[in-house]
């Protein structure tokens, strides 16, 4: 650790946009019209499959427009406003 430069949590990485990839997986089995509408929504939010973020954001939670929309319009299903690997693993509510 003494040879490392800086704090590894603050390193900038390009990582998968978990919300987008999850939505795409769920929607893949839906009708054409549902997928078409979702595709338009993804285009409007300019969501990309890879996101630039810090390692800490990826692990502890980051916000995205898709998460905000999901939390706003489907609060019983998407009750969280940020998404992170550890954040979701240890959410026992």
N, C-alpha and C. Protein backbone atom coordinates (compact mmCIF):
# COMPACT_ATOMS: atom_id res chain seq x y z
N UNK A 1 0.82 -1.20 0.00
CA UNK A 1 0.00 0.00 0.00
C UNK A 1 0.87 1.26 0.00
N UNK A 2 2.03 1.20 0.62
CA UNK A 2 2.86 2.39 0.67
C UNK A 2 3.41 2.77 -0.70
N UNK A 3 3.42 1.84 -1.64
CA UNK A 3 3.87 2.15 -2.99
C UNK A 3 2.74 2.63 -3.90
N UNK A 4 1.51 2.53 -3.43
CA UNK A 4 0.38 2.94 -4.26
C UNK A 4 0.29 4.45 -4.33
N UNK A 5 -0.30 4.91 -5.41
CA UNK A 5 -0.48 6.35 -5.60
C UNK A 5 -1.94 6.70 -5.39
N UNK A 6 -2.22 7.44 -4.35
CA UNK A 6 -3.59 7.89 -4.12
C UNK A 6 -4.46 6.82 -3.48
N UNK A 7 -5.73 7.13 -3.43
CA UNK A 7 -6.72 6.26 -2.84
C UNK A 7 -7.41 5.47 -3.95
N UNK A 8 -7.34 4.17 -3.92
CA UNK A 8 -7.89 3.33 -4.99
C UNK A 8 -9.40 3.50 -5.14
N UNK A 9 -10.09 3.91 -4.08
CA UNK A 9 -11.54 4.15 -4.18
C UNK A 9 -11.86 5.30 -5.13
N UNK A 10 -10.92 6.21 -5.31
CA UNK A 10 -11.16 7.38 -6.14
C UNK A 10 -10.68 7.20 -7.58
N UNK A 11 -10.17 6.02 -7.91
CA UNK A 11 -9.74 5.77 -9.28
C UNK A 11 -10.95 5.81 -10.21
N UNK A 12 -10.77 6.43 -11.37
CA UNK A 12 -11.83 6.51 -12.37
C UNK A 12 -11.81 5.25 -13.23
N UNK A 13 -12.97 4.63 -13.36
CA UNK A 13 -13.10 3.40 -14.12
C UNK A 13 -14.27 3.50 -15.09
N UNK A 14 -14.27 2.69 -16.12
CA UNK A 14 -15.41 2.53 -17.01
C UNK A 14 -16.01 1.16 -16.69
N UNK A 15 -17.22 1.18 -16.13
CA UNK A 15 -17.83 -0.04 -15.64
C UNK A 15 -19.24 -0.22 -16.20
N UNK A 16 -19.78 -1.43 -16.13
CA UNK A 16 -21.12 -1.67 -16.66
C UNK A 16 -22.18 -0.83 -15.93
N UNK A 17 -23.11 -0.34 -16.70
CA UNK A 17 -24.27 0.39 -16.16
C UNK A 17 -25.27 -0.68 -15.73
N UNK A 18 -25.21 -1.08 -14.47
CA UNK A 18 -25.98 -2.21 -13.96
C UNK A 18 -27.48 -2.03 -14.20
N UNK A 19 -28.00 -0.83 -13.96
CA UNK A 19 -29.43 -0.59 -14.14
C UNK A 19 -29.84 -0.81 -15.60
N UNK A 20 -29.09 -0.27 -16.52
CA UNK A 20 -29.41 -0.41 -17.94
C UNK A 20 -29.36 -1.88 -18.38
N UNK A 21 -28.32 -2.58 -17.98
CA UNK A 21 -28.19 -3.98 -18.38
C UNK A 21 -29.26 -4.85 -17.74
N UNK A 22 -29.66 -4.53 -16.52
CA UNK A 22 -30.73 -5.28 -15.85
C UNK A 22 -32.07 -5.05 -16.55
N UNK A 23 -32.35 -3.79 -16.88
CA UNK A 23 -33.60 -3.47 -17.59
C UNK A 23 -33.63 -4.17 -18.94
N UNK A 24 -32.52 -4.15 -19.65
CA UNK A 24 -32.46 -4.80 -20.96
C UNK A 24 -32.72 -6.30 -20.84
N UNK A 25 -32.19 -6.92 -19.81
CA UNK A 25 -32.40 -8.35 -19.60
C UNK A 25 -33.87 -8.65 -19.32
N UNK A 26 -34.49 -7.87 -18.44
CA UNK A 26 -35.90 -8.08 -18.11
C UNK A 26 -36.78 -7.82 -19.33
N UNK A 27 -36.50 -6.76 -20.07
CA UNK A 27 -37.33 -6.37 -21.21
C UNK A 27 -37.15 -7.28 -22.42
N UNK A 28 -36.10 -8.06 -22.45
CA UNK A 28 -35.85 -8.90 -23.63
C UNK A 28 -36.97 -9.91 -23.88
N UNK A 29 -37.73 -10.23 -22.86
CA UNK A 29 -38.81 -11.20 -22.98
C UNK A 29 -40.17 -10.53 -23.20
N UNK A 30 -40.19 -9.20 -23.23
CA UNK A 30 -41.45 -8.46 -23.38
C UNK A 30 -41.82 -8.28 -24.85
N UNK A 31 -43.00 -7.70 -25.07
CA UNK A 31 -43.49 -7.49 -26.43
C UNK A 31 -42.65 -6.43 -27.16
N UNK A 32 -42.82 -6.40 -28.46
CA UNK A 32 -42.10 -5.43 -29.28
C UNK A 32 -42.40 -4.00 -28.83
N UNK A 33 -43.66 -3.70 -28.56
CA UNK A 33 -44.04 -2.33 -28.18
C UNK A 33 -43.41 -1.93 -26.84
N UNK A 34 -43.35 -2.85 -25.91
CA UNK A 34 -42.70 -2.56 -24.62
C UNK A 34 -41.22 -2.28 -24.83
N UNK A 35 -40.57 -3.12 -25.62
CA UNK A 35 -39.13 -2.93 -25.89
C UNK A 35 -38.89 -1.63 -26.66
N UNK A 36 -39.80 -1.31 -27.59
CA UNK A 36 -39.68 -0.08 -28.37
C UNK A 36 -39.77 1.14 -27.45
N UNK A 37 -40.76 1.14 -26.56
CA UNK A 37 -40.90 2.25 -25.61
C UNK A 37 -39.70 2.38 -24.69
N UNK A 38 -39.22 1.25 -24.21
CA UNK A 38 -38.05 1.26 -23.33
C UNK A 38 -36.82 1.74 -24.07
N UNK A 39 -36.66 1.32 -25.31
CA UNK A 39 -35.54 1.77 -26.12
C UNK A 39 -35.57 3.29 -26.30
N UNK A 40 -36.75 3.84 -26.52
CA UNK A 40 -36.88 5.30 -26.64
C UNK A 40 -36.52 5.99 -25.33
N UNK A 41 -36.96 5.43 -24.21
CA UNK A 41 -36.64 6.00 -22.90
C UNK A 41 -35.13 5.98 -22.65
N UNK A 42 -34.50 4.88 -23.00
CA UNK A 42 -33.05 4.78 -22.84
C UNK A 42 -32.35 5.82 -23.71
N UNK A 43 -32.86 6.01 -24.92
CA UNK A 43 -32.29 7.03 -25.80
C UNK A 43 -32.47 8.43 -25.26
N UNK A 44 -33.65 8.71 -24.69
CA UNK A 44 -33.91 10.04 -24.13
C UNK A 44 -33.01 10.35 -22.93
N UNK A 45 -32.69 9.33 -22.14
CA UNK A 45 -31.83 9.55 -20.98
C UNK A 45 -30.35 9.47 -21.34
N UNK A 46 -30.07 9.15 -22.61
CA UNK A 46 -28.69 9.05 -23.10
C UNK A 46 -27.87 8.05 -22.27
N UNK A 47 -28.52 6.98 -21.85
CA UNK A 47 -27.85 5.94 -21.07
C UNK A 47 -26.98 5.08 -21.97
N UNK A 48 -25.80 4.75 -21.50
CA UNK A 48 -24.84 3.94 -22.23
C UNK A 48 -24.53 2.68 -21.42
N UNK A 49 -24.15 1.58 -22.05
CA UNK A 49 -23.88 0.34 -21.31
C UNK A 49 -22.66 0.43 -20.39
N UNK A 50 -21.75 1.35 -20.67
CA UNK A 50 -20.60 1.57 -19.80
C UNK A 50 -20.68 2.99 -19.24
N UNK A 51 -20.35 3.11 -17.96
CA UNK A 51 -20.38 4.42 -17.30
C UNK A 51 -19.02 4.74 -16.71
N UNK A 52 -18.68 6.01 -16.71
CA UNK A 52 -17.46 6.49 -16.07
C UNK A 52 -17.81 6.84 -14.63
N UNK A 53 -17.14 6.18 -13.68
CA UNK A 53 -17.40 6.43 -12.27
C UNK A 53 -16.20 5.99 -11.45
N UNK A 54 -16.21 6.33 -10.19
CA UNK A 54 -15.14 5.88 -9.30
C UNK A 54 -15.45 4.47 -8.82
N UNK A 55 -14.43 3.80 -8.35
CA UNK A 55 -14.62 2.45 -7.79
C UNK A 55 -15.57 2.51 -6.60
N UNK A 56 -15.46 3.56 -5.80
CA UNK A 56 -16.34 3.71 -4.63
C UNK A 56 -17.80 3.86 -5.06
N UNK A 57 -18.06 4.65 -6.10
CA UNK A 57 -19.44 4.81 -6.58
C UNK A 57 -20.00 3.47 -7.06
N UNK A 58 -19.21 2.70 -7.77
CA UNK A 58 -19.67 1.40 -8.27
C UNK A 58 -20.01 0.46 -7.12
N UNK A 59 -19.22 0.48 -6.06
CA UNK A 59 -19.45 -0.42 -4.94
C UNK A 59 -20.53 0.08 -3.99
N UNK A 60 -20.52 1.37 -3.68
CA UNK A 60 -21.41 1.92 -2.65
C UNK A 60 -22.67 2.57 -3.20
N UNK A 61 -22.69 2.88 -4.47
CA UNK A 61 -23.91 3.44 -5.06
C UNK A 61 -23.66 4.66 -5.91
N UNK A 62 -24.34 4.68 -7.03
CA UNK A 62 -24.30 5.83 -7.94
C UNK A 62 -25.72 6.09 -8.42
N UNK A 63 -25.97 7.30 -8.82
CA UNK A 63 -27.29 7.67 -9.33
C UNK A 63 -27.25 7.69 -10.85
N UNK A 64 -28.38 7.36 -11.44
CA UNK A 64 -28.52 7.46 -12.89
C UNK A 64 -29.95 7.89 -13.18
N UNK A 65 -30.16 8.45 -14.36
CA UNK A 65 -31.50 8.90 -14.72
C UNK A 65 -32.47 7.73 -14.75
N UNK A 66 -32.03 6.57 -15.19
CA UNK A 66 -32.92 5.41 -15.22
C UNK A 66 -33.36 5.01 -13.82
N UNK A 67 -32.45 5.06 -12.86
CA UNK A 67 -32.80 4.75 -11.48
C UNK A 67 -33.79 5.77 -10.93
N UNK A 68 -33.56 7.04 -11.23
CA UNK A 68 -34.46 8.09 -10.76
C UNK A 68 -35.86 7.90 -11.33
N UNK A 69 -35.95 7.61 -12.63
CA UNK A 69 -37.26 7.37 -13.25
C UNK A 69 -37.93 6.13 -12.66
N UNK A 70 -37.18 5.07 -12.49
CA UNK A 70 -37.74 3.85 -11.90
C UNK A 70 -38.23 4.07 -10.49
N UNK A 71 -37.46 4.79 -9.71
CA UNK A 71 -37.84 5.09 -8.33
C UNK A 71 -39.06 5.99 -8.28
N UNK A 72 -39.20 6.89 -9.24
CA UNK A 72 -40.33 7.82 -9.28
C UNK A 72 -41.62 7.13 -9.72
N UNK A 73 -41.54 6.33 -10.79
CA UNK A 73 -42.74 5.75 -11.37
C UNK A 73 -43.06 4.33 -10.91
N UNK A 74 -42.10 3.65 -10.31
CA UNK A 74 -42.34 2.29 -9.80
C UNK A 74 -41.73 2.14 -8.41
N UNK A 75 -42.14 2.98 -7.45
CA UNK A 75 -41.49 2.95 -6.13
C UNK A 75 -41.67 1.65 -5.36
N UNK A 76 -42.70 0.88 -5.66
CA UNK A 76 -42.87 -0.38 -4.94
C UNK A 76 -41.89 -1.45 -5.45
N UNK A 77 -41.42 -1.31 -6.68
CA UNK A 77 -40.49 -2.27 -7.26
C UNK A 77 -39.05 -1.77 -7.14
N UNK A 78 -38.82 -0.49 -7.46
CA UNK A 78 -37.49 0.12 -7.36
C UNK A 78 -37.58 1.17 -6.25
N UNK A 79 -37.37 0.74 -5.03
CA UNK A 79 -37.55 1.60 -3.86
C UNK A 79 -36.26 2.30 -3.45
N UNK A 80 -35.18 2.08 -4.17
CA UNK A 80 -33.90 2.71 -3.86
C UNK A 80 -33.59 3.76 -4.91
N UNK A 81 -32.82 4.78 -4.53
CA UNK A 81 -32.54 5.87 -5.47
C UNK A 81 -31.12 5.85 -6.01
N UNK A 82 -30.32 4.89 -5.56
CA UNK A 82 -28.97 4.73 -6.09
C UNK A 82 -28.69 3.24 -6.19
N UNK A 83 -27.70 2.90 -7.00
CA UNK A 83 -27.39 1.50 -7.26
C UNK A 83 -25.90 1.28 -7.11
N UNK A 84 -25.54 0.33 -6.29
CA UNK A 84 -24.14 -0.05 -6.11
C UNK A 84 -24.06 -1.52 -5.77
N UNK A 85 -22.96 -2.13 -6.08
CA UNK A 85 -22.81 -3.57 -5.88
C UNK A 85 -22.98 -3.96 -4.41
N UNK A 86 -22.23 -3.36 -3.53
CA UNK A 86 -22.33 -3.67 -2.10
C UNK A 86 -23.62 -3.10 -1.52
N UNK A 87 -24.01 -1.93 -1.97
CA UNK A 87 -25.25 -1.29 -1.51
C UNK A 87 -26.44 -2.22 -1.70
N UNK A 88 -26.54 -2.89 -2.83
CA UNK A 88 -27.67 -3.79 -3.11
C UNK A 88 -27.50 -5.13 -2.42
N UNK A 89 -26.27 -5.63 -2.30
CA UNK A 89 -26.04 -6.93 -1.67
C UNK A 89 -26.44 -6.93 -0.20
N UNK A 90 -26.25 -5.81 0.47
CA UNK A 90 -26.53 -5.75 1.91
C UNK A 90 -27.80 -4.99 2.23
N UNK A 91 -28.71 -4.87 1.27
CA UNK A 91 -30.01 -4.25 1.53
C UNK A 91 -31.00 -5.36 1.86
N UNK A 92 -31.30 -5.50 3.13
CA UNK A 92 -32.17 -6.60 3.57
C UNK A 92 -33.60 -6.16 3.84
N UNK A 93 -33.98 -4.97 3.40
CA UNK A 93 -35.36 -4.50 3.64
C UNK A 93 -36.36 -5.22 2.78
